[in-house]
């Protein structure tokens, strides 16, 4: 355990930040799953709405330092490609 007051404070701060970051990461994954679910169901309009919301959440998590910018760019690219591909196969 921490021996100094400063170290004890850092332990508390780190735990508080860990819980907050876990919450943000969970929200990020939830929004990504929302896009994938809409794509799986074949609802292109719902997928576009979900993609727009997911891109916003992805960018916010990068700004807060929870996600790496390259991971965010890769994820947004892959999600938008899936949504775009739905338009090509729609009747």
PDB file of N, CA and C in Angstrom:
ATOM      1  N   UNK A   1       0.840  -1.189   0.000  1.00  0.00           N
ATOM      2  CA  UNK A   1       0.000   0.000   0.000  1.00  0.00           C
ATOM      3  C   UNK A   1       0.880   1.246   0.000  1.00  0.00           C
ATOM      4  N   UNK A   2       0.283   2.354  -0.385  1.00  0.00           N
ATOM      5  CA  UNK A   2       1.014   3.613  -0.478  1.00  0.00           C
ATOM      6  C   UNK A   2       1.454   4.093   0.912  1.00  0.00           C
ATOM      7  N   UNK A   3       2.644   4.656   0.967  1.00  0.00           N
ATOM      8  CA  UNK A   3       3.203   5.085   2.251  1.00  0.00           C
ATOM      9  C   UNK A   3       3.058   6.577   2.510  1.00  0.00           C
ATOM     10  N   UNK A   4       2.984   7.384   1.464  1.00  0.00           N
ATOM     11  CA  UNK A   4       2.890   8.826   1.660  1.00  0.00           C
ATOM     12  C   UNK A   4       1.470   9.298   1.364  1.00  0.00           C
ATOM     13  N   UNK A   5       1.173  10.485   1.851  1.00  0.00           N
ATOM     14  CA  UNK A   5      -0.153  11.061   1.614  1.00  0.00           C
ATOM     15  C   UNK A   5      -0.380  11.281   0.119  1.00  0.00           C
ATOM     16  N   UNK A   6       0.674  11.706  -0.566  1.00  0.00           N
ATOM     17  CA  UNK A   6       0.574  11.935  -2.011  1.00  0.00           C
ATOM     18  C   UNK A   6       0.272  10.630  -2.741  1.00  0.00           C
ATOM     19  N   UNK A   7       0.939   9.566  -2.343  1.00  0.00           N
ATOM     20  CA  UNK A   7       0.725   8.271  -2.989  1.00  0.00           C
ATOM     21  C   UNK A   7      -0.672   7.737  -2.689  1.00  0.00           C
ATOM     22  N   UNK A   8      -1.146   7.956  -1.474  1.00  0.00           N
ATOM     23  CA  UNK A   8      -2.512   7.515  -1.127  1.00  0.00           C
ATOM     24  C   UNK A   8      -3.540   8.268  -1.971  1.00  0.00           C
ATOM     25  N   UNK A   9      -3.305   9.559  -2.158  1.00  0.00           N
ATOM     26  CA  UNK A   9      -4.211  10.370  -2.972  1.00  0.00           C
ATOM     27  C   UNK A   9      -4.202   9.879  -4.422  1.00  0.00           C
ATOM     28  N   UNK A  10      -3.018   9.539  -4.944  1.00  0.00           N
ATOM     29  CA  UNK A  10      -2.921   9.050  -6.318  1.00  0.00           C
ATOM     30  C   UNK A  10      -3.694   7.740  -6.490  1.00  0.00           C
ATOM     31  N   UNK A  11      -3.650   6.885  -5.484  1.00  0.00           N
ATOM     32  CA  UNK A  11      -4.399   5.626  -5.548  1.00  0.00           C
ATOM     33  C   UNK A  11      -5.888   5.917  -5.688  1.00  0.00           C
ATOM     34  N   UNK A  12      -6.391   6.865  -4.901  1.00  0.00           N
ATOM     35  CA  UNK A  12      -7.812   7.218  -4.968  1.00  0.00           C
ATOM     36  C   UNK A  12      -8.161   7.841  -6.317  1.00  0.00           C
ATOM     37  N   UNK A  13      -7.296   8.732  -6.802  1.00  0.00           N
ATOM     38  CA  UNK A  13      -7.549   9.378  -8.089  1.00  0.00           C
ATOM     39  C   UNK A  13      -7.534   8.372  -9.238  1.00  0.00           C
ATOM     40  N   UNK A  14      -6.578   7.455  -9.177  1.00  0.00           N
ATOM     41  CA  UNK A  14      -6.483   6.460 -10.237  1.00  0.00           C
ATOM     42  C   UNK A  14      -7.710   5.562 -10.274  1.00  0.00           C
ATOM     43  N   UNK A  15      -8.223   5.190  -9.118  1.00  0.00           N
ATOM     44  CA  UNK A  15      -9.412   4.344  -9.064  1.00  0.00           C
ATOM     45  C   UNK A  15     -10.628   5.093  -9.612  1.00  0.00           C
ATOM     46  N   UNK A  16     -10.747   6.361  -9.249  1.00  0.00           N
ATOM     47  CA  UNK A  16     -11.861   7.184  -9.735  1.00  0.00           C
ATOM     48  C   UNK A  16     -11.794   7.319 -11.261  1.00  0.00           C
ATOM     49  N   UNK A  17     -10.608   7.561 -11.797  1.00  0.00           N
ATOM     50  CA  UNK A  17     -10.434   7.691 -13.243  1.00  0.00           C
ATOM     51  C   UNK A  17     -10.693   6.368 -13.951  1.00  0.00           C
ATOM     52  N   UNK A  18     -10.256   5.255 -13.329  1.00  0.00           N
ATOM     53  CA  UNK A  18     -10.462   3.948 -13.927  1.00  0.00           C
ATOM     54  C   UNK A  18     -11.954   3.657 -14.091  1.00  0.00           C
ATOM     55  N   UNK A  19     -12.730   3.963 -13.064  1.00  0.00           N
ATOM     56  CA  UNK A  19     -14.174   3.737 -13.141  1.00  0.00           C
ATOM     57  C   UNK A  19     -14.809   4.618 -14.217  1.00  0.00           C
ATOM     58  N   UNK A  20     -14.374   5.866 -14.299  1.00  0.00           N
ATOM     59  CA  UNK A  20     -14.919   6.782 -15.294  1.00  0.00           C
ATOM     60  C   UNK A  20     -14.565   6.321 -16.708  1.00  0.00           C
ATOM     61  N   UNK A  21     -13.307   5.923 -16.911  1.00  0.00           N
ATOM     62  CA  UNK A  21     -12.880   5.462 -18.225  1.00  0.00           C
ATOM     63  C   UNK A  21     -13.599   4.177 -18.619  1.00  0.00           C
ATOM     64  N   UNK A  22     -13.845   3.306 -17.652  1.00  0.00           N
ATOM     65  CA  UNK A  22     -14.585   2.070 -17.924  1.00  0.00           C
ATOM     66  C   UNK A  22     -15.991   2.393 -18.417  1.00  0.00           C
ATOM     67  N   UNK A  23     -16.609   3.382 -17.795  1.00  0.00           N
ATOM     68  CA  UNK A  23     -17.946   3.801 -18.200  1.00  0.00           C
ATOM     69  C   UNK A  23     -17.939   4.339 -19.631  1.00  0.00           C
ATOM     70  N   UNK A  24     -16.960   5.174 -19.944  1.00  0.00           N
ATOM     71  CA  UNK A  24     -16.872   5.741 -21.294  1.00  0.00           C
ATOM     72  C   UNK A  24     -16.602   4.661 -22.333  1.00  0.00           C
ATOM     73  N   UNK A  25     -15.733   3.704 -21.992  1.00  0.00           N
ATOM     74  CA  UNK A  25     -15.404   2.623 -22.928  1.00  0.00           C
ATOM     75  C   UNK A  25     -16.631   1.737 -23.171  1.00  0.00           C
ATOM     76  N   UNK A  26     -17.409   1.520 -22.123  1.00  0.00           N
ATOM     77  CA  UNK A  26     -18.620   0.723 -22.252  1.00  0.00           C
ATOM     78  C   UNK A  26     -19.638   1.426 -23.160  1.00  0.00           C
ATOM     79  N   UNK A  27     -19.771   2.737 -22.986  1.00  0.00           N
ATOM     80  CA  UNK A  27     -20.695   3.508 -23.820  1.00  0.00           C
ATOM     81  C   UNK A  27     -20.255   3.453 -25.278  1.00  0.00           C
ATOM     82  N   UNK A  28     -18.952   3.542 -25.503  1.00  0.00           N
ATOM     83  CA  UNK A  28     -18.398   3.457 -26.853  1.00  0.00           C
ATOM     84  C   UNK A  28     -18.787   2.127 -27.500  1.00  0.00           C
ATOM     85  N   UNK A  29     -18.571   1.037 -26.791  1.00  0.00           N
ATOM     86  CA  UNK A  29     -18.879  -0.286 -27.328  1.00  0.00           C
ATOM     87  C   UNK A  29     -20.373  -0.466 -27.569  1.00  0.00           C
ATOM     88  N   UNK A  30     -21.197   0.122 -26.700  1.00  0.00           N
ATOM     89  CA  UNK A  30     -22.650   0.028 -26.863  1.00  0.00           C
ATOM     90  C   UNK A  30     -23.099   0.703 -28.156  1.00  0.00           C
ATOM     91  N   UNK A  31     -22.555   1.877 -28.445  1.00  0.00           N
ATOM     92  CA  UNK A  31     -22.938   2.587 -29.665  1.00  0.00           C
ATOM     93  C   UNK A  31     -22.464   1.854 -30.910  1.00  0.00           C
ATOM     94  N   UNK A  32     -21.275   1.256 -30.829  1.00  0.00           N
ATOM     95  CA  UNK A  32     -20.772   0.474 -31.963  1.00  0.00           C
ATOM     96  C   UNK A  32     -21.685  -0.723 -32.215  1.00  0.00           C
ATOM     97  N   UNK A  33     -22.099  -1.392 -31.148  1.00  0.00           N
ATOM     98  CA  UNK A  33     -23.000  -2.538 -31.283  1.00  0.00           C
ATOM     99  C   UNK A  33     -24.350  -2.108 -31.863  1.00  0.00           C
ATOM    100  N   UNK A  34     -24.782  -0.888 -31.555  1.00  0.00           N
ATOM    101  CA  UNK A  34     -26.035  -0.386 -32.106  1.00  0.00           C
ATOM    102  C   UNK A  34     -25.978  -0.274 -33.620  1.00  0.00           C
ATOM    103  N   UNK A  35     -24.851   0.177 -34.143  1.00  0.00           N
ATOM    104  CA  UNK A  35     -24.691   0.275 -35.599  1.00  0.00           C
ATOM    105  C   UNK A  35     -24.678  -1.130 -36.202  1.00  0.00           C
ATOM    106  N   UNK A  36     -23.909  -2.022 -35.604  1.00  0.00           N
ATOM    107  CA  UNK A  36     -23.806  -3.386 -36.127  1.00  0.00           C
ATOM    108  C   UNK A  36     -25.156  -4.110 -36.096  1.00  0.00           C
ATOM    109  N   UNK A  37     -25.943  -3.837 -35.060  1.00  0.00           N
ATOM    110  CA  UNK A  37     -27.264  -4.463 -34.960  1.00  0.00           C
ATOM    111  C   UNK A  37     -28.184  -3.963 -36.073  1.00  0.00           C
ATOM    112  N   UNK A  38     -28.160  -2.662 -36.333  1.00  0.00           N
ATOM    113  CA  UNK A  38     -28.987  -2.093 -37.398  1.00  0.00           C
ATOM    114  C   UNK A  38     -28.559  -2.636 -38.759  1.00  0.00           C
ATOM    115  N   UNK A  39     -27.253  -2.804 -38.959  1.00  0.00           N
ATOM    116  CA  UNK A  39     -26.756  -3.369 -40.215  1.00  0.00           C
ATOM    117  C   UNK A  39     -27.217  -4.814 -40.347  1.00  0.00           C
ATOM    118  N   UNK A  40     -27.139  -5.558 -39.261  1.00  0.00           N
ATOM    119  CA  UNK A  40     -27.544  -6.966 -39.286  1.00  0.00           C
ATOM    120  C   UNK A  40     -29.034  -7.116 -39.597  1.00  0.00           C
ATOM    121  N   UNK A  41     -29.840  -6.186 -39.068  1.00  0.00           N
ATOM    122  CA  UNK A  41     -31.287  -6.243 -39.315  1.00  0.00           C
ATOM    123  C   UNK A  41     -31.644  -5.746 -40.712  1.00  0.00           C
ATOM    124  N   UNK A  42     -30.710  -5.051 -41.365  1.00  0.00           N
ATOM    125  CA  UNK A  42     -30.956  -4.576 -42.721  1.00  0.00           C
ATOM    126  C   UNK A  42     -31.675  -3.244 -42.793  1.00  0.00           C
ATOM    127  N   UNK A  43     -31.762  -2.533 -41.685  1.00  0.00           N
ATOM    128  CA  UNK A  43     -32.437  -1.236 -41.651  1.00  0.00           C
ATOM    129  C   UNK A  43     -31.415  -0.134 -41.929  1.00  0.00           C
ATOM    130  N   UNK A  44     -31.341   0.290 -43.185  1.00  0.00           N
ATOM    131  CA  UNK A  44     -30.303   1.240 -43.564  1.00  0.00           C
ATOM    132  C   UNK A  44     -30.493   2.606 -42.917  1.00  0.00           C
ATOM    133  N   UNK A  45     -31.715   3.076 -42.856  1.00  0.00           N
ATOM    134  CA  UNK A  45     -31.954   4.393 -42.261  1.00  0.00           C
ATOM    135  C   UNK A  45     -31.577   4.404 -40.781  1.00  0.00           C
ATOM    136  N   UNK A  46     -31.965   3.359 -40.068  1.00  0.00           N
ATOM    137  CA  UNK A  46     -31.606   3.249 -38.653  1.00  0.00           C
ATOM    138  C   UNK A  46     -30.086   3.120 -38.498  1.00  0.00           C
ATOM    139  N   UNK A  47     -29.448   2.421 -39.415  1.00  0.00           N
ATOM    140  CA  UNK A  47     -27.994   2.256 -39.367  1.00  0.00           C
ATOM    141  C   UNK A  47     -27.297   3.596 -39.560  1.00  0.00           C
ATOM    142  N   UNK A  48     -27.817   4.424 -40.450  1.00  0.00           N
ATOM    143  CA  UNK A  48     -27.208   5.739 -40.673  1.00  0.00           C
ATOM    144  C   UNK A  48     -27.347   6.627 -39.442  1.00  0.00           C
ATOM    145  N   UNK A  49     -28.510   6.574 -38.818  1.00  0.00           N
ATOM    146  CA  UNK A  49     -28.719   7.360 -37.600  1.00  0.00           C
ATOM    147  C   UNK A  49     -27.786   6.865 -36.492  1.00  0.00           C
ATOM    148  N   UNK A  50     -27.691   5.552 -36.351  1.00  0.00           N
ATOM    149  CA  UNK A  50     -26.826   4.968 -35.328  1.00  0.00           C
ATOM    150  C   UNK A  50     -25.359   5.285 -35.613  1.00  0.00           C
ATOM    151  N   UNK A  51     -24.977   5.275 -36.882  1.00  0.00           N
ATOM    152  CA  UNK A  51     -23.598   5.589 -37.257  1.00  0.00           C
ATOM    153  C   UNK A  51     -23.256   7.025 -36.890  1.00  0.00           C
ATOM    154  N   UNK A  52     -24.163   7.931 -37.152  1.00  0.00           N
ATOM    155  CA  UNK A  52     -23.936   9.339 -36.827  1.00  0.00           C
ATOM    156  C   UNK A  52     -23.724   9.512 -35.327  1.00  0.00           C
ATOM    157  N   UNK A  53     -24.551   8.840 -34.526  1.00  0.00           N
ATOM    158  CA  UNK A  53     -24.410   8.922 -33.070  1.00  0.00           C
ATOM    159  C   UNK A  53     -23.117   8.252 -32.608  1.00  0.00           C
ATOM    160  N   UNK A  54     -22.788   7.126 -33.209  1.00  0.00           N
ATOM    161  CA  UNK A  54     -21.587   6.393 -32.819  1.00  0.00           C
ATOM    162  C   UNK A  54     -20.330   7.189 -33.144  1.00  0.00           C
ATOM    163  N   UNK A  55     -20.304   7.850 -34.288  1.00  0.00           N
ATOM    164  CA  UNK A  55     -19.129   8.645 -34.653  1.00  0.00           C
ATOM    165  C   UNK A  55     -18.893   9.758 -33.642  1.00  0.00           C
ATOM    166  N   UNK A  56     -19.978  10.350 -33.164  1.00  0.00           N
ATOM    167  CA  UNK A  56     -19.855  11.399 -32.163  1.00  0.00           C
ATOM    168  C   UNK A  56     -19.258  10.851 -30.868  1.00  0.00           C
ATOM    169  N   UNK A  57     -19.763   9.711 -30.428  1.00  0.00           N
ATOM    170  CA  UNK A  57     -19.272   9.100 -29.189  1.00  0.00           C
ATOM    171  C   UNK A  57     -17.817   8.664 -29.355  1.00  0.00           C
ATOM    172  N   UNK A  58     -17.487   8.117 -30.503  1.00  0.00           N
ATOM    173  CA  UNK A  58     -16.111   7.684 -30.759  1.00  0.00           C
ATOM    174  C   UNK A  58     -15.162   8.884 -30.679  1.00  0.00           C
ATOM    175  N   UNK A  59     -15.534   9.987 -31.304  1.00  0.00           N
ATOM    176  CA  UNK A  59     -14.684  11.176 -31.278  1.00  0.00           C
ATOM    177  C   UNK A  59     -14.530  11.727 -29.858  1.00  0.00           C
ATOM    178  N   UNK A  60     -15.597  11.671 -29.073  1.00  0.00           N
ATOM    179  CA  UNK A  60     -15.525  12.165 -27.699  1.00  0.00           C
ATOM    180  C   UNK A  60     -14.601  11.308 -26.847  1.00  0.00           C
ATOM    181  N   UNK A  61     -14.623   9.998 -27.056  1.00  0.00           N
ATOM    182  CA  UNK A  61     -13.748   9.145 -26.253  1.00  0.00           C
ATOM    183  C   UNK A  61     -12.283   9.370 -26.625  1.00  0.00           C
ATOM    184  N   UNK A  62     -12.023   9.709 -27.882  1.00  0.00           N
ATOM    185  CA  UNK A  62     -10.647  10.032 -28.283  1.00  0.00           C
ATOM    186  C   UNK A  62     -10.218  11.331 -27.611  1.00  0.00           C
ATOM    187  N   UNK A  63     -11.092  12.319 -27.615  1.00  0.00           N
ATOM    188  CA  UNK A  63     -10.789  13.608 -26.997  1.00  0.00           C
ATOM    189  C   UNK A  63     -10.476  13.452 -25.512  1.00  0.00           C
ATOM    190  N   UNK A  64     -11.171  12.550 -24.861  1.00  0.00           N
ATOM    191  CA  UNK A  64     -10.968  12.333 -23.425  1.00  0.00           C
ATOM    192  C   UNK A  64      -9.789  11.405 -23.125  1.00  0.00           C
ATOM    193  N   UNK A  65      -9.181  10.861 -24.169  1.00  0.00           N
ATOM    194  CA  UNK A  65      -8.008  10.022 -23.966  1.00  0.00           C
ATOM    195  C   UNK A  65      -8.311   8.576 -23.637  1.00  0.00           C
ATOM    196  N   UNK A  66      -9.550   8.157 -23.805  1.00  0.00           N
ATOM    197  CA  UNK A  66      -9.936   6.781 -23.486  1.00  0.00           C
ATOM    198  C   UNK A  66      -9.601   5.854 -24.645  1.00  0.00           C
ATOM    199  N   UNK A  67      -9.770   6.331 -25.860  1.00  0.00           N
ATOM    200  CA  UNK A  67      -9.505   5.516 -27.058  1.00  0.00           C
ATOM    201  C   UNK A  67      -8.402   6.184 -27.875  1.00  0.00           C
ATOM    202  N   UNK A  68      -7.643   5.377 -28.567  1.00  0.00           N
ATOM    203  CA  UNK A  68      -6.578   5.900 -29.426  1.00  0.00           C
ATOM    204  C   UNK A  68      -7.179   6.402 -30.737  1.00  0.00           C
ATOM    205  N   UNK A  69      -6.622   7.454 -31.281  1.00  0.00           N
ATOM    206  CA  UNK A  69      -7.195   8.061 -32.486  1.00  0.00           C
ATOM    207  C   UNK A  69      -7.156   7.120 -33.683  1.00  0.00           C
ATOM    208  N   UNK A  70      -6.154   6.269 -33.770  1.00  0.00           N
ATOM    209  CA  UNK A  70      -6.099   5.333 -34.890  1.00  0.00           C
ATOM    210  C   UNK A  70      -7.181   4.264 -34.764  1.00  0.00           C
ATOM    211  N   UNK A  71      -7.447   3.814 -33.546  1.00  0.00           N
ATOM    212  CA  UNK A  71      -8.531   2.854 -33.324  1.00  0.00           C
ATOM    213  C   UNK A  71      -9.871   3.482 -33.707  1.00  0.00           C
ATOM    214  N   UNK A  72     -10.027   4.745 -33.345  1.00  0.00           N
ATOM    215  CA  UNK A  72     -11.269   5.440 -33.655  1.00  0.00           C
ATOM    216  C   UNK A  72     -11.453   5.583 -35.164  1.00  0.00           C
ATOM    217  N   UNK A  73     -10.407   5.974 -35.857  1.00  0.00           N
ATOM    218  CA  UNK A  73     -10.487   6.145 -37.304  1.00  0.00           C
ATOM    219  C   UNK A  73     -10.792   4.814 -37.983  1.00  0.00           C
ATOM    220  N   UNK A  74     -10.137   3.755 -37.538  1.00  0.00           N
ATOM    221  CA  UNK A  74     -10.349   2.431 -38.114  1.00  0.00           C
ATOM    222  C   UNK A  74     -11.792   1.964 -37.874  1.00  0.00           C
ATOM    223  N   UNK A  75     -12.278   2.171 -36.673  1.00  0.00           N
ATOM    224  CA  UNK A  75     -13.635   1.747 -36.331  1.00  0.00           C
ATOM    225  C   UNK A  75     -14.673   2.519 -37.143  1.00  0.00           C
ATOM    226  N   UNK A  76     -14.506   3.839 -37.225  1.00  0.00           N
ATOM    227  CA  UNK A  76     -15.450   4.647 -37.995  1.00  0.00           C
ATOM    228  C   UNK A  76     -15.430   4.259 -39.465  1.00  0.00           C
ATOM    229  N   UNK A  77     -14.254   3.987 -39.987  1.00  0.00           N
ATOM    230  CA  UNK A  77     -14.128   3.589 -41.385  1.00  0.00           C
ATOM    231  C   UNK A  77     -14.845   2.268 -41.649  1.00  0.00           C
ATOM    232  N   UNK A  78     -14.638   1.310 -40.786  1.00  0.00           N
ATOM    233  CA  UNK A  78     -15.259  -0.004 -40.972  1.00  0.00           C
ATOM    234  C   UNK A  78     -16.774   0.059 -40.820  1.00  0.00           C
ATOM    235  N   UNK A  79     -17.246   0.843 -39.848  1.00  0.00           N
ATOM    236  CA  UNK A  79     -18.694   0.964 -39.663  1.00  0.00           C
ATOM    237  C   UNK A  79     -19.335   1.668 -40.859  1.00  0.00           C
ATOM    238  N   UNK A  80     -18.719   2.747 -41.320  1.00  0.00           N
ATOM    239  CA  UNK A  80     -19.301   3.471 -42.453  1.00  0.00           C
ATOM    240  C   UNK A  80     -19.265   2.620 -43.718  1.00  0.00           C
ATOM    241  N   UNK A  81     -18.248   1.790 -43.874  1.00  0.00           N
ATOM    242  CA  UNK A  81     -18.192   0.903 -45.036  1.00  0.00           C
ATOM    243  C   UNK A  81     -19.332  -0.105 -44.999  1.00  0.00           C
ATOM    244  N   UNK A  82     -19.636  -0.609 -43.815  1.00  0.00           N
ATOM    245  CA  UNK A  82     -20.747  -1.562 -43.705  1.00  0.00           C
ATOM    246  C   UNK A  82     -22.087  -0.907 -44.011  1.00  0.00           C
ATOM    247  N   UNK A  83     -22.274   0.306 -43.516  1.00  0.00           N
ATOM    248  CA  UNK A  83     -23.529   1.014 -43.767  1.00  0.00           C
ATOM    249  C   UNK A  83     -23.637   1.368 -45.248  1.00  0.00           C
ATOM    250  N   UNK A  84     -22.541   1.793 -45.831  1.00  0.00           N
ATOM    251  CA  UNK A  84     -22.532   2.142 -47.258  1.00  0.00           C
ATOM    252  C   UNK A  84     -22.822   0.917 -48.115  1.00  0.00           C
ATOM    253  N   UNK A  85     -22.282  -0.225 -47.744  1.00  0.00           N
ATOM    254  CA  UNK A  85     -22.501  -1.449 -48.504  1.00  0.00           C
ATOM    255  C   UNK A  85     -23.960  -1.881 -48.489  1.00  0.00           C
ATOM    256  N   UNK A  86     -24.690  -1.470 -47.454  1.00  0.00           N
ATOM    257  CA  UNK A  86     -26.112  -1.797 -47.390  1.00  0.00           C
ATOM    258  C   UNK A  86     -26.866  -1.120 -48.533  1.00  0.00           C
ATOM    259  N   UNK A  87     -26.454   0.077 -48.888  1.00  0.00           N
ATOM    260  CA  UNK A  87     -27.127   0.820 -49.960  1.00  0.00           C
ATOM    261  C   UNK A  87     -26.965   0.153 -51.308  1.00  0.00           C
ATOM    262  N   UNK A  88     -25.862  -0.542 -51.505  1.00  0.00           N
ATOM    263  CA  UNK A  88     -25.605  -1.192 -52.781  1.00  0.00           C
ATOM    264  C   UNK A  88     -26.457  -2.451 -52.969  1.00  0.00           C
ATOM    265  N   UNK A  89     -26.825  -3.089 -51.856  1.00  0.00           N
ATOM    266  CA  UNK A  89     -27.580  -4.327 -51.957  1.00  0.00           C
ATOM    267  C   UNK A  89     -29.069  -4.140 -51.713  1.00  0.00           C
ATOM    268  N   UNK A  90     -29.485  -2.937 -51.379  1.00  0.00           N
ATOM    269  CA  UNK A  90     -30.899  -2.704 -51.083  1.00  0.00           C
ATOM    270  C   UNK A  90     -31.736  -2.786 -52.368  1.00  0.00           C
ATOM    271  N   UNK A  91     -32.944  -3.336 -52.288  1.00  0.00           N
ATOM    272  CA  UNK A  91     -33.793  -3.436 -53.489  1.00  0.00           C
ATOM    273  C   UNK A  91     -34.380  -2.117 -53.896  1.00  0.00           C
TER     274      UNK A  91
END
